[in-house]
Amino acid sequence: MRTSPFAALSSLFATTDEQAMWRVQTQEDAAAFAQLVRRWEQPIQRLCARMLGDVHRGEDLAQETFARIFARRKNYEPGGKFSSYLWRIALNLCYDELRRLRRRVTISFEDETDDNASGIHEHADTQLGPDGQAVAGEQAALVRDALLKLPENYRAVLVLRHYEDLKFREIADVLEIPEGTVKSRMAEALTQLSRLLAPVFAEEAKSNSRRATPGKERLLI
């Protein structure tokens, strides 16, 4: 499919994130700031929701992230990528929120495990059919629960790499650590996640097998 010459021209003159942020910093350009919010609001909401396990609080923290960006616009250093600066501020707010939550009274088991309360949904594969989508949804919920049990430094790397598709060098820039450290954290995160999920998926497979073969269920009891 050929690209329209007008679309190509528009892309050529499109304002980069760094240019938009420079206008915000030097001119308090409201239109440029709105452009940044439109581009990045959804990714930042996803990041915060997955770090906290709560989509509504994730939305609040996304708004707080952009409010902080504007409030500290004079402190922005244009030498780096705006996206790295943005991810970093959002993650720091997530860390602050997680510390605050740990200081609160432990939430009830029902609130902790209610998938509807978290509001984080993965896109189901529409080619799977109703039964396949249900299984995929259950597995996605198990992965989300396991993700929240990872230490925050491992969770951040896994979310940025797996869900937001950042490269290792980009994650290193966001976290301000060596790329080798990012890779080692990613490997450890996957190891811990597999360890958490292995018994859960094994039990789920056993339960599905029992439901699928009711005649044999009595033999297994």
N, C-alpha and C. Protein backbone atom coordinates (compact mmCIF):
# COMPACT_ATOMS: atom_id res chain seq x y z
N MET A 1 0.85 -1.20 0.00
CA MET A 1 0.00 0.00 0.00
C MET A 1 0.88 1.24 0.00
N ARG A 2 0.69 2.13 -0.97
CA ARG A 2 1.52 3.31 -1.09
C ARG A 2 1.06 4.40 -0.12
N THR A 3 2.02 5.10 0.44
CA THR A 3 1.73 6.18 1.37
C THR A 3 1.41 7.45 0.61
N SER A 4 0.37 8.13 1.03
CA SER A 4 0.00 9.39 0.41
C SER A 4 1.13 10.40 0.55
N PRO A 5 1.44 11.14 -0.52
CA PRO A 5 2.50 12.16 -0.41
C PRO A 5 2.19 13.20 0.65
N PHE A 6 0.90 13.47 0.85
CA PHE A 6 0.52 14.44 1.88
C PHE A 6 0.79 13.88 3.27
N ALA A 7 0.53 12.55 3.46
CA ALA A 7 0.81 11.91 4.74
C ALA A 7 2.30 11.90 5.02
N ALA A 8 3.09 11.62 3.99
CA ALA A 8 4.54 11.60 4.15
C ALA A 8 5.06 12.99 4.52
N LEU A 9 4.49 14.02 3.87
CA LEU A 9 4.90 15.39 4.16
C LEU A 9 4.52 15.78 5.58
N SER A 10 3.32 15.34 5.99
CA SER A 10 2.87 15.63 7.36
C SER A 10 3.77 14.97 8.38
N SER A 11 4.18 13.72 8.08
CA SER A 11 5.07 13.01 8.99
C SER A 11 6.42 13.70 9.08
N LEU A 12 6.88 14.21 7.96
CA LEU A 12 8.18 14.87 7.92
C LEU A 12 8.22 16.09 8.82
N PHE A 13 7.10 16.81 8.88
CA PHE A 13 7.05 18.04 9.66
C PHE A 13 6.36 17.85 11.01
N ALA A 14 6.10 16.59 11.39
CA ALA A 14 5.45 16.33 12.67
C ALA A 14 6.37 16.75 13.82
N THR A 15 5.77 17.29 14.86
CA THR A 15 6.53 17.74 16.02
C THR A 15 6.96 16.55 16.85
N THR A 16 8.23 16.45 17.16
CA THR A 16 8.70 15.36 18.00
C THR A 16 8.34 15.65 19.46
N ASP A 17 8.44 14.62 20.30
CA ASP A 17 8.18 14.80 21.73
C ASP A 17 9.13 15.84 22.32
N GLU A 18 10.38 15.77 21.91
CA GLU A 18 11.38 16.67 22.45
C GLU A 18 11.10 18.12 22.04
N GLN A 19 10.65 18.31 20.81
CA GLN A 19 10.31 19.66 20.35
C GLN A 19 9.09 20.19 21.10
N ALA A 20 8.11 19.31 21.30
CA ALA A 20 6.90 19.72 22.02
C ALA A 20 7.24 20.10 23.46
N MET A 21 8.09 19.28 24.08
CA MET A 21 8.46 19.57 25.48
C MET A 21 9.28 20.85 25.57
N TRP A 22 10.11 21.13 24.57
CA TRP A 22 10.87 22.38 24.55
C TRP A 22 9.92 23.58 24.52
N ARG A 23 8.84 23.46 23.74
CA ARG A 23 7.85 24.54 23.68
C ARG A 23 7.13 24.71 25.02
N VAL A 24 6.85 23.57 25.66
CA VAL A 24 6.21 23.63 26.98
C VAL A 24 7.15 24.32 27.97
N GLN A 25 8.42 23.96 27.89
CA GLN A 25 9.41 24.47 28.85
C GLN A 25 9.68 25.95 28.65
N THR A 26 9.80 26.37 27.42
CA THR A 26 10.23 27.75 27.15
C THR A 26 9.07 28.72 26.91
N GLN A 27 7.93 28.18 26.43
CA GLN A 27 6.82 29.05 26.07
C GLN A 27 5.52 28.73 26.79
N GLU A 28 5.57 27.69 27.63
CA GLU A 28 4.36 27.20 28.31
C GLU A 28 3.24 26.98 27.28
N ASP A 29 3.61 26.31 26.19
CA ASP A 29 2.70 26.08 25.07
C ASP A 29 1.67 25.01 25.44
N ALA A 30 0.42 25.43 25.64
CA ALA A 30 -0.63 24.51 26.04
C ALA A 30 -0.94 23.48 24.96
N ALA A 31 -0.89 23.88 23.71
CA ALA A 31 -1.17 22.96 22.61
C ALA A 31 -0.10 21.88 22.53
N ALA A 32 1.15 22.26 22.73
CA ALA A 32 2.24 21.28 22.71
C ALA A 32 2.11 20.30 23.86
N PHE A 33 1.71 20.80 25.02
CA PHE A 33 1.53 19.91 26.18
C PHE A 33 0.37 18.95 25.94
N ALA A 34 -0.71 19.44 25.35
CA ALA A 34 -1.86 18.58 25.03
C ALA A 34 -1.46 17.50 24.05
N GLN A 35 -0.57 17.84 23.14
CA GLN A 35 -0.08 16.85 22.17
C GLN A 35 0.67 15.73 22.88
N LEU A 36 1.50 16.07 23.85
CA LEU A 36 2.22 15.06 24.62
C LEU A 36 1.28 14.17 25.41
N VAL A 37 0.27 14.77 25.99
CA VAL A 37 -0.71 13.99 26.76
C VAL A 37 -1.44 13.01 25.84
N ARG A 38 -1.85 13.47 24.67
CA ARG A 38 -2.56 12.59 23.73
C ARG A 38 -1.68 11.41 23.32
N ARG A 39 -0.42 11.68 23.07
CA ARG A 39 0.49 10.62 22.61
C ARG A 39 0.78 9.59 23.70
N TRP A 40 0.87 10.04 24.95
CA TRP A 40 1.44 9.18 25.99
C TRP A 40 0.48 8.79 27.11
N GLU A 41 -0.72 9.32 27.10
CA GLU A 41 -1.63 9.05 28.21
C GLU A 41 -1.93 7.56 28.37
N GLN A 42 -2.26 6.88 27.28
CA GLN A 42 -2.60 5.46 27.37
C GLN A 42 -1.43 4.60 27.81
N PRO A 43 -0.23 4.73 27.23
CA PRO A 43 0.90 3.93 27.71
C PRO A 43 1.22 4.15 29.18
N ILE A 44 1.14 5.39 29.64
CA ILE A 44 1.45 5.67 31.04
C ILE A 44 0.38 5.09 31.95
N GLN A 45 -0.87 5.15 31.54
CA GLN A 45 -1.93 4.52 32.32
C GLN A 45 -1.71 3.01 32.42
N ARG A 46 -1.31 2.37 31.31
CA ARG A 46 -1.07 0.93 31.34
C ARG A 46 0.08 0.59 32.28
N LEU A 47 1.15 1.37 32.20
CA LEU A 47 2.29 1.12 33.07
C LEU A 47 1.89 1.19 34.54
N CYS A 48 1.21 2.27 34.92
CA CYS A 48 0.82 2.46 36.32
C CYS A 48 -0.16 1.39 36.78
N ALA A 49 -1.09 1.02 35.91
CA ALA A 49 -2.07 0.01 36.27
C ALA A 49 -1.40 -1.34 36.52
N ARG A 50 -0.43 -1.69 35.69
CA ARG A 50 0.25 -2.98 35.85
C ARG A 50 1.21 -2.96 37.03
N MET A 51 1.78 -1.84 37.33
CA MET A 51 2.66 -1.76 38.49
C MET A 51 1.87 -1.85 39.79
N LEU A 52 0.65 -1.30 39.78
CA LEU A 52 -0.16 -1.25 41.00
C LEU A 52 -1.23 -2.33 41.07
N GLY A 53 -1.61 -2.90 39.91
CA GLY A 53 -2.69 -3.86 39.89
C GLY A 53 -4.05 -3.21 40.06
N ASP A 54 -4.15 -1.94 39.73
CA ASP A 54 -5.40 -1.19 39.92
C ASP A 54 -5.52 -0.16 38.80
N VAL A 55 -6.45 -0.40 37.88
CA VAL A 55 -6.54 0.47 36.71
C VAL A 55 -7.02 1.87 37.08
N HIS A 56 -7.89 1.98 38.08
CA HIS A 56 -8.39 3.30 38.45
C HIS A 56 -7.30 4.15 39.09
N ARG A 57 -6.52 3.53 39.97
CA ARG A 57 -5.40 4.26 40.57
C ARG A 57 -4.34 4.54 39.51
N GLY A 58 -4.21 3.64 38.53
CA GLY A 58 -3.30 3.86 37.43
C GLY A 58 -3.66 5.10 36.64
N GLU A 59 -4.96 5.32 36.42
CA GLU A 59 -5.41 6.52 35.71
C GLU A 59 -5.08 7.77 36.52
N ASP A 60 -5.27 7.68 37.84
CA ASP A 60 -4.95 8.83 38.69
C ASP A 60 -3.47 9.17 38.63
N LEU A 61 -2.63 8.12 38.69
CA LEU A 61 -1.19 8.37 38.67
C LEU A 61 -0.72 8.88 37.31
N ALA A 62 -1.39 8.45 36.24
CA ALA A 62 -1.06 8.98 34.92
C ALA A 62 -1.32 10.49 34.87
N GLN A 63 -2.46 10.90 35.42
CA GLN A 63 -2.77 12.33 35.47
C GLN A 63 -1.74 13.08 36.32
N GLU A 64 -1.36 12.44 37.45
CA GLU A 64 -0.38 13.06 38.33
C GLU A 64 0.98 13.17 37.63
N THR A 65 1.29 12.17 36.80
CA THR A 65 2.55 12.20 36.06
C THR A 65 2.63 13.42 35.16
N PHE A 66 1.56 13.65 34.40
CA PHE A 66 1.58 14.79 33.48
C PHE A 66 1.52 16.13 34.24
N ALA A 67 0.82 16.13 35.36
CA ALA A 67 0.80 17.34 36.18
C ALA A 67 2.20 17.67 36.69
N ARG A 68 2.93 16.61 37.07
CA ARG A 68 4.30 16.82 37.55
C ARG A 68 5.22 17.26 36.42
N ILE A 69 5.02 16.69 35.24
CA ILE A 69 5.82 17.09 34.07
C ILE A 69 5.68 18.60 33.84
N PHE A 70 4.44 19.08 33.89
CA PHE A 70 4.22 20.51 33.63
C PHE A 70 4.75 21.35 34.78
N ALA A 71 4.53 20.90 36.02
CA ALA A 71 4.98 21.68 37.17
C ALA A 71 6.50 21.81 37.19
N ARG A 72 7.19 20.78 36.71
CA ARG A 72 8.66 20.78 36.74
C ARG A 72 9.25 21.01 35.35
N ARG A 73 8.52 21.66 34.51
CA ARG A 73 8.95 21.83 33.11
C ARG A 73 10.30 22.56 33.01
N LYS A 74 10.58 23.44 33.95
CA LYS A 74 11.84 24.18 33.91
C LYS A 74 13.04 23.28 34.23
N ASN A 75 12.78 22.14 34.86
CA ASN A 75 13.86 21.23 35.24
C ASN A 75 14.18 20.22 34.14
N TYR A 76 13.38 20.20 33.10
CA TYR A 76 13.59 19.22 32.02
C TYR A 76 14.89 19.51 31.30
N GLU A 77 15.70 18.45 31.12
CA GLU A 77 16.96 18.59 30.40
C GLU A 77 16.80 18.01 29.01
N PRO A 78 16.84 18.82 27.98
CA PRO A 78 16.53 18.39 26.61
C PRO A 78 17.56 17.47 25.97
N GLY A 79 18.62 17.11 26.67
CA GLY A 79 19.63 16.27 26.06
C GLY A 79 19.19 14.84 25.82
N GLY A 80 18.25 14.33 26.62
CA GLY A 80 17.80 12.94 26.49
C GLY A 80 16.44 12.85 25.82
N LYS A 81 15.94 11.61 25.73
CA LYS A 81 14.62 11.40 25.13
C LYS A 81 13.53 11.79 26.12
N PHE A 82 12.51 12.45 25.63
CA PHE A 82 11.40 12.82 26.50
C PHE A 82 10.72 11.58 27.07
N SER A 83 10.59 10.54 26.25
CA SER A 83 9.89 9.33 26.70
C SER A 83 10.58 8.71 27.91
N SER A 84 11.91 8.70 27.93
CA SER A 84 12.63 8.15 29.08
C SER A 84 12.34 8.96 30.33
N TYR A 85 12.33 10.26 30.18
CA TYR A 85 12.01 11.17 31.29
C TYR A 85 10.60 10.91 31.80
N LEU A 86 9.67 10.71 30.88
CA LEU A 86 8.28 10.48 31.23
C LEU A 86 8.08 9.14 31.94
N TRP A 87 8.65 8.05 31.36
CA TRP A 87 8.55 6.74 32.02
C TRP A 87 9.13 6.80 33.43
N ARG A 88 10.26 7.50 33.58
CA ARG A 88 10.95 7.56 34.87
C ARG A 88 10.09 8.24 35.93
N ILE A 89 9.46 9.34 35.57
CA ILE A 89 8.60 10.04 36.53
C ILE A 89 7.40 9.17 36.91
N ALA A 90 6.80 8.52 35.92
CA ALA A 90 5.65 7.65 36.20
C ALA A 90 6.04 6.51 37.12
N LEU A 91 7.18 5.88 36.87
CA LEU A 91 7.64 4.78 37.72
C LEU A 91 7.92 5.25 39.14
N ASN A 92 8.54 6.41 39.28
CA ASN A 92 8.82 6.93 40.62
C ASN A 92 7.53 7.18 41.39
N LEU A 93 6.51 7.66 40.71
CA LEU A 93 5.21 7.85 41.36
C LEU A 93 4.61 6.50 41.76
N CYS A 94 4.80 5.49 40.92
CA CYS A 94 4.31 4.15 41.25
C CYS A 94 5.03 3.61 42.49
N TYR A 95 6.35 3.79 42.54
CA TYR A 95 7.11 3.34 43.71
C TYR A 95 6.62 4.04 44.98
N ASP A 96 6.37 5.35 44.88
CA ASP A 96 5.86 6.10 46.04
C ASP A 96 4.52 5.56 46.49
N GLU A 97 3.66 5.27 45.52
CA GLU A 97 2.33 4.76 45.84
C GLU A 97 2.40 3.38 46.47
N LEU A 98 3.28 2.53 45.96
CA LEU A 98 3.43 1.18 46.52
C LEU A 98 3.96 1.24 47.95
N ARG A 99 4.86 2.16 48.23
CA ARG A 99 5.35 2.33 49.60
C ARG A 99 4.22 2.81 50.51
N ARG A 100 3.39 3.71 49.98
CA ARG A 100 2.27 4.21 50.77
C ARG A 100 1.28 3.09 51.08
N LEU A 101 1.03 2.25 50.08
CA LEU A 101 0.10 1.15 50.28
C LEU A 101 0.61 0.15 51.31
N ARG A 102 1.92 -0.07 51.33
CA ARG A 102 2.49 -1.01 52.29
C ARG A 102 2.34 -0.51 53.72
N ARG A 103 2.23 0.80 53.87
CA ARG A 103 2.07 1.36 55.21
C ARG A 103 0.63 1.30 55.69
N ARG A 104 -0.27 1.03 54.78
CA ARG A 104 -1.68 0.96 55.15
C ARG A 104 -2.02 -0.41 55.71
N VAL A 105 -3.21 -0.50 56.29
CA VAL A 105 -3.67 -1.79 56.80
C VAL A 105 -3.79 -2.76 55.64
N THR A 106 -3.38 -4.00 55.82
CA THR A 106 -3.44 -5.01 54.77
C THR A 106 -4.86 -5.13 54.24
N ILE A 107 -5.00 -5.07 52.92
CA ILE A 107 -6.33 -5.16 52.33
C ILE A 107 -6.85 -6.59 52.43
N SER A 108 -8.16 -6.72 52.37
CA SER A 108 -8.78 -8.04 52.54
C SER A 108 -8.43 -8.95 51.37
N PHE A 109 -8.52 -10.24 51.61
CA PHE A 109 -8.22 -11.22 50.56
C PHE A 109 -9.14 -11.05 49.38
N GLU A 110 -10.42 -10.73 49.64
CA GLU A 110 -11.38 -10.58 48.55
C GLU A 110 -11.00 -9.41 47.66
N ASP A 111 -10.62 -8.29 48.24
CA ASP A 111 -10.23 -7.13 47.45
C ASP A 111 -8.96 -7.40 46.67
N GLU A 112 -8.06 -8.15 47.28
CA GLU A 112 -6.77 -8.40 46.66
C GLU A 112 -6.87 -9.28 45.43
N THR A 113 -7.84 -10.22 45.44
CA THR A 113 -7.91 -11.19 44.37
C THR A 113 -9.08 -10.97 43.42
N ASP A 114 -9.84 -9.90 43.62
CA ASP A 114 -10.98 -9.63 42.75
C ASP A 114 -10.49 -9.06 41.44
N ASP A 115 -10.56 -9.84 40.37
CA ASP A 115 -10.03 -9.41 39.07
C ASP A 115 -10.79 -8.22 38.53
N ASN A 116 -12.11 -8.14 38.83
CA ASN A 116 -12.89 -7.02 38.34
C ASN A 116 -12.47 -5.73 39.01
N ALA A 117 -11.99 -5.85 40.25
CA ALA A 117 -11.58 -4.64 40.96
C ALA A 117 -10.34 -4.04 40.32
N SER A 118 -9.46 -4.87 39.84
CA SER A 118 -8.24 -4.34 39.24
C SER A 118 -8.53 -3.63 37.93
N GLY A 119 -9.46 -4.15 37.18
CA GLY A 119 -9.85 -3.51 35.93
C GLY A 119 -8.85 -3.64 34.83
N ILE A 120 -7.82 -4.48 34.99
CA ILE A 120 -6.80 -4.63 33.96
C ILE A 120 -7.19 -5.80 33.09
N HIS A 121 -7.44 -5.55 31.84
CA HIS A 121 -7.90 -6.59 30.92
C HIS A 121 -6.94 -6.71 29.75
N GLU A 122 -6.65 -7.94 29.38
CA GLU A 122 -5.87 -8.19 28.19
C GLU A 122 -6.84 -8.35 27.02
N HIS A 123 -6.35 -8.09 25.83
CA HIS A 123 -7.18 -8.27 24.64
C HIS A 123 -7.27 -9.76 24.33
N ALA A 124 -8.48 -10.30 24.32
CA ALA A 124 -8.66 -11.71 24.02
C ALA A 124 -8.50 -11.95 22.52
N ASP A 125 -7.98 -13.11 22.18
CA ASP A 125 -7.82 -13.48 20.78
C ASP A 125 -9.19 -13.90 20.25
N THR A 126 -9.76 -13.11 19.36
CA THR A 126 -11.11 -13.39 18.88
C THR A 126 -11.17 -14.65 18.03
N GLN A 127 -10.02 -15.16 17.61
CA GLN A 127 -10.02 -16.38 16.82
C GLN A 127 -10.10 -17.63 17.68
N LEU A 128 -10.01 -17.47 19.00
CA LEU A 128 -10.00 -18.63 19.88
C LEU A 128 -11.38 -19.22 20.08
N GLY A 129 -12.42 -18.44 19.92
CA GLY A 129 -13.76 -18.91 20.25
C GLY A 129 -14.04 -18.62 21.71
N PRO A 130 -15.32 -18.73 22.14
CA PRO A 130 -15.69 -18.38 23.52
C PRO A 130 -14.92 -19.16 24.57
N ASP A 131 -14.80 -20.50 24.40
CA ASP A 131 -14.09 -21.30 25.40
C ASP A 131 -12.62 -20.92 25.46
N GLY A 132 -12.00 -20.76 24.30
CA GLY A 132 -10.59 -20.39 24.25
C GLY A 132 -10.34 -19.03 24.84
N GLN A 133 -11.25 -18.08 24.58
CA GLN A 133 -11.09 -16.75 25.14
C GLN A 133 -11.21 -16.78 26.65
N ALA A 134 -12.11 -17.61 27.17
CA ALA A 134 -12.28 -17.73 28.62
C ALA A 134 -11.01 -18.26 29.27
N VAL A 135 -10.43 -19.29 28.66
CA VAL A 135 -9.18 -19.85 29.19
C VAL A 135 -8.06 -18.83 29.13
N ALA A 136 -7.96 -18.12 27.99
CA ALA A 136 -6.92 -17.11 27.83
C ALA A 136 -7.09 -15.99 28.86
N GLY A 137 -8.36 -15.62 29.12
CA GLY A 137 -8.63 -14.59 30.12
C GLY A 137 -8.23 -15.03 31.51
N GLU A 138 -8.51 -16.30 31.84
CA GLU A 138 -8.13 -16.84 33.15
C GLU A 138 -6.61 -16.86 33.30
N GLN A 139 -5.93 -17.26 32.25
CA GLN A 139 -4.47 -17.32 32.32
C GLN A 139 -3.87 -15.93 32.44
N ALA A 140 -4.46 -14.96 31.72
CA ALA A 140 -3.96 -13.59 31.81
C ALA A 140 -4.12 -13.05 33.23
N ALA A 141 -5.24 -13.41 33.88
CA ALA A 141 -5.47 -12.97 35.26
C ALA A 141 -4.44 -13.59 36.20
N LEU A 142 -4.09 -14.86 35.95
CA LEU A 142 -3.08 -15.52 36.77
C LEU A 142 -1.71 -14.85 36.61
N VAL A 143 -1.40 -14.48 35.37
CA VAL A 143 -0.13 -13.80 35.11
C VAL A 143 -0.12 -12.44 35.80
N ARG A 144 -1.23 -11.70 35.75
CA ARG A 144 -1.29 -10.40 36.41
C ARG A 144 -1.09 -10.54 37.92
N ASP A 145 -1.73 -11.54 38.51
CA ASP A 145 -1.57 -11.75 39.95
C ASP A 145 -0.12 -12.09 40.30
N ALA A 146 0.49 -12.94 39.48
CA ALA A 146 1.89 -13.32 39.73
C ALA A 146 2.81 -12.12 39.55
N LEU A 147 2.51 -11.27 38.57
CA LEU A 147 3.32 -10.09 38.30
C LEU A 147 3.38 -9.18 39.53
N LEU A 148 2.26 -9.06 40.23
CA LEU A 148 2.21 -8.19 41.40
C LEU A 148 2.99 -8.75 42.58
N LYS A 149 3.36 -10.03 42.51
CA LYS A 149 4.16 -10.63 43.59
C LYS A 149 5.65 -10.47 43.37
N LEU A 150 6.03 -10.00 42.20
CA LEU A 150 7.45 -9.78 41.92
C LEU A 150 7.94 -8.52 42.64
N PRO A 151 9.20 -8.49 43.06
CA PRO A 151 9.77 -7.24 43.58
C PRO A 151 9.64 -6.13 42.54
N GLU A 152 9.51 -4.91 43.00
CA GLU A 152 9.19 -3.79 42.10
C GLU A 152 10.24 -3.58 41.01
N ASN A 153 11.53 -3.79 41.34
CA ASN A 153 12.56 -3.55 40.33
C ASN A 153 12.49 -4.56 39.20
N TYR A 154 12.10 -5.80 39.51
CA TYR A 154 11.91 -6.81 38.47
C TYR A 154 10.61 -6.57 37.70
N ARG A 155 9.58 -6.19 38.43
CA ARG A 155 8.28 -5.94 37.81
C ARG A 155 8.38 -4.81 36.78
N ALA A 156 9.10 -3.75 37.13
CA ALA A 156 9.23 -2.60 36.22
C ALA A 156 9.89 -3.02 34.91
N VAL A 157 10.97 -3.79 35.01
CA VAL A 157 11.67 -4.23 33.80
C VAL A 157 10.77 -5.11 32.95
N LEU A 158 10.04 -6.02 33.57
CA LEU A 158 9.17 -6.93 32.83
C LEU A 158 8.04 -6.18 32.14
N VAL A 159 7.45 -5.23 32.83
CA VAL A 159 6.35 -4.45 32.24
C VAL A 159 6.86 -3.62 31.06
N LEU A 160 7.97 -2.95 31.24
CA LEU A 160 8.50 -2.10 30.16
C LEU A 160 8.92 -2.92 28.95
N ARG A 161 9.50 -4.08 29.19
CA ARG A 161 9.98 -4.90 28.08
C ARG A 161 8.86 -5.69 27.42
N HIS A 162 8.07 -6.41 28.22
CA HIS A 162 7.08 -7.32 27.66
C HIS A 162 5.82 -6.61 27.19
N TYR A 163 5.32 -5.69 28.00
CA TYR A 163 4.04 -5.05 27.68
C TYR A 163 4.21 -3.77 26.85
N GLU A 164 5.25 -3.01 27.12
CA GLU A 164 5.43 -1.74 26.40
C GLU A 164 6.48 -1.84 25.29
N ASP A 165 7.12 -2.99 25.16
CA ASP A 165 8.02 -3.30 24.04
C ASP A 165 9.21 -2.35 23.94
N LEU A 166 9.73 -1.91 25.08
CA LEU A 166 10.94 -1.10 25.06
C LEU A 166 12.15 -2.01 24.88
N LYS A 167 13.16 -1.49 24.22
CA LYS A 167 14.42 -2.22 24.08
C LYS A 167 15.20 -2.15 25.39
N PHE A 168 16.13 -3.07 25.56
CA PHE A 168 16.90 -3.11 26.80
C PHE A 168 17.65 -1.80 27.04
N ARG A 169 18.21 -1.24 25.96
CA ARG A 169 18.95 0.01 26.13
C ARG A 169 18.01 1.16 26.52
N GLU A 170 16.76 1.12 26.03
CA GLU A 170 15.79 2.14 26.40
C GLU A 170 15.39 2.01 27.87
N ILE A 171 15.22 0.76 28.32
CA ILE A 171 14.89 0.53 29.72
C ILE A 171 16.04 0.98 30.62
N ALA A 172 17.27 0.70 30.17
CA ALA A 172 18.44 1.14 30.92
C ALA A 172 18.45 2.66 31.07
N ASP A 173 18.05 3.36 30.02
CA ASP A 173 17.99 4.82 30.04
C ASP A 173 16.92 5.30 31.01
N VAL A 174 15.78 4.63 31.00
CA VAL A 174 14.68 4.99 31.90
C VAL A 174 15.10 4.81 33.36
N LEU A 175 15.67 3.64 33.65
CA LEU A 175 16.02 3.29 35.04
C LEU A 175 17.37 3.85 35.48
N GLU A 176 18.13 4.37 34.51
CA GLU A 176 19.45 4.93 34.78
C GLU A 176 20.38 3.89 35.41
N ILE A 177 20.40 2.71 34.80
CA ILE A 177 21.27 1.61 35.21
C ILE A 177 21.91 1.01 33.95
N PRO A 178 22.99 0.25 34.10
CA PRO A 178 23.62 -0.37 32.92
C PRO A 178 22.68 -1.35 32.21
N GLU A 179 22.86 -1.47 30.91
CA GLU A 179 22.02 -2.39 30.13
C GLU A 179 22.18 -3.83 30.61
N GLY A 180 23.40 -4.19 31.03
CA GLY A 180 23.61 -5.54 31.53
C GLY A 180 22.79 -5.82 32.77
N THR A 181 22.61 -4.82 33.62
CA THR A 181 21.78 -4.97 34.82
C THR A 181 20.32 -5.18 34.43
N VAL A 182 19.87 -4.47 33.41
CA VAL A 182 18.50 -4.65 32.92
C VAL A 182 18.28 -6.09 32.46
N LYS A 183 19.23 -6.61 31.70
CA LYS A 183 19.10 -7.98 31.19
C LYS A 183 19.09 -9.00 32.32
N SER A 184 19.93 -8.79 33.32
CA SER A 184 19.96 -9.73 34.44
C SER A 184 18.68 -9.66 35.25
N ARG A 185 18.13 -8.45 35.40
CA ARG A 185 16.84 -8.32 36.11
C ARG A 185 15.71 -8.98 35.33
N MET A 186 15.76 -8.84 34.01
CA MET A 186 14.75 -9.46 33.17
C MET A 186 14.80 -10.98 33.31
N ALA A 187 16.00 -11.54 33.28
CA ALA A 187 16.15 -12.99 33.42
C ALA A 187 15.64 -13.46 34.77
N GLU A 188 15.97 -12.72 35.83
CA GLU A 188 15.50 -13.10 37.17
C GLU A 188 13.99 -12.94 37.29
N ALA A 189 13.45 -11.89 36.67
CA ALA A 189 11.99 -11.68 36.70
C ALA A 189 11.27 -12.85 36.05
N LEU A 190 11.76 -13.29 34.90
CA LEU A 190 11.13 -14.42 34.21
C LEU A 190 11.26 -15.70 35.02
N THR A 191 12.39 -15.89 35.68
CA THR A 191 12.59 -17.07 36.52
C THR A 191 11.60 -17.08 37.68
N GLN A 192 11.47 -15.94 38.35
CA GLN A 192 10.54 -15.86 39.48
C GLN A 192 9.09 -16.00 39.02
N LEU A 193 8.78 -15.41 37.87
CA LEU A 193 7.41 -15.51 37.35
C LEU A 193 7.08 -16.96 37.01
N SER A 194 8.00 -17.66 36.38
CA SER A 194 7.78 -19.07 36.04
C SER A 194 7.60 -19.90 37.30
N ARG A 195 8.38 -19.60 38.33
CA ARG A 195 8.28 -20.33 39.59
C ARG A 195 6.91 -20.11 40.24
N LEU A 196 6.41 -18.90 40.14
CA LEU A 196 5.10 -18.59 40.72
C LEU A 196 3.96 -19.24 39.95
N LEU A 197 4.11 -19.26 38.60
CA LEU A 197 3.01 -19.72 37.75
C LEU A 197 2.96 -21.23 37.57
N ALA A 198 4.10 -21.90 37.69
CA ALA A 198 4.14 -23.34 37.41
C ALA A 198 3.13 -24.13 38.22
N PRO A 199 3.08 -24.00 39.55
CA PRO A 199 2.09 -24.79 40.31
C PRO A 199 0.65 -24.35 40.04
N VAL A 200 0.46 -23.06 39.76
CA VAL A 200 -0.89 -22.56 39.51
C VAL A 200 -1.44 -23.12 38.21
N PHE A 201 -0.61 -23.09 37.14
CA PHE A 201 -1.06 -23.63 35.86
C PHE A 201 -1.22 -25.14 35.92
N ALA A 202 -0.38 -25.81 36.71
CA ALA A 202 -0.51 -27.26 36.84
C ALA A 202 -1.83 -27.62 37.51
N GLU A 203 -2.19 -26.87 38.54
CA GLU A 203 -3.46 -27.13 39.23
C GLU A 203 -4.64 -26.80 38.33
N GLU A 204 -4.51 -25.71 37.55
CA GLU A 204 -5.59 -25.34 36.63
C GLU A 204 -5.77 -26.41 35.57
N ALA A 205 -4.67 -26.94 35.05
CA ALA A 205 -4.76 -28.01 34.04
C ALA A 205 -5.42 -29.25 34.62
N LYS A 206 -5.09 -29.56 35.86
CA LYS A 206 -5.69 -30.72 36.52
C LYS A 206 -7.20 -30.52 36.70
N SER A 207 -7.59 -29.31 37.10
CA SER A 207 -9.02 -29.01 37.29
C SER A 207 -9.77 -29.07 35.97
N ASN A 208 -9.16 -28.51 34.91
CA ASN A 208 -9.80 -28.55 33.59
C ASN A 208 -9.96 -29.99 33.11
N SER A 209 -8.98 -30.82 33.40
CA SER A 209 -9.04 -32.22 33.00
C SER A 209 -10.18 -32.94 33.72
N ARG A 210 -10.35 -32.63 34.97
CA ARG A 210 -11.43 -33.26 35.74
C ARG A 210 -12.79 -32.83 35.24
N ARG A 211 -12.92 -31.52 34.91
CA ARG A 211 -14.20 -31.04 34.41
C ARG A 211 -14.52 -31.61 33.04
N ALA A 212 -13.47 -31.84 32.26
CA ALA A 212 -13.69 -32.35 30.88
C ALA A 212 -14.02 -33.84 30.87
N THR A 213 -13.65 -34.58 31.93
CA THR A 213 -13.89 -36.03 31.98
C THR A 213 -14.60 -36.37 33.27
N PRO A 214 -15.91 -36.05 33.38
CA PRO A 214 -16.63 -36.28 34.64
C PRO A 214 -16.66 -37.75 35.03
N GLY A 215 -16.58 -38.63 34.06
CA GLY A 215 -16.62 -40.06 34.38
C GLY A 215 -15.41 -40.51 35.17
N LYS A 216 -14.29 -39.84 34.97
CA LYS A 216 -13.07 -40.19 35.66
C LYS A 216 -12.89 -39.43 36.96
N GLU A 217 -13.72 -38.41 37.17
CA GLU A 217 -13.53 -37.56 38.33
C GLU A 217 -13.62 -38.35 39.61
N ARG A 218 -14.54 -39.34 39.65
CA ARG A 218 -14.72 -40.12 40.88
C ARG A 218 -13.48 -40.94 41.20
N LEU A 219 -12.72 -41.32 40.17
CA LEU A 219 -11.52 -42.11 40.38
C LEU A 219 -10.39 -41.27 40.96
N LEU A 220 -10.46 -39.97 40.71
CA LEU A 220 -9.40 -39.09 41.15
C LEU A 220 -9.62 -38.59 42.57
N ILE A 221 -10.83 -38.70 43.06
CA ILE A 221 -11.17 -38.20 44.39
C ILE A 221 -10.76 -39.21 45.45
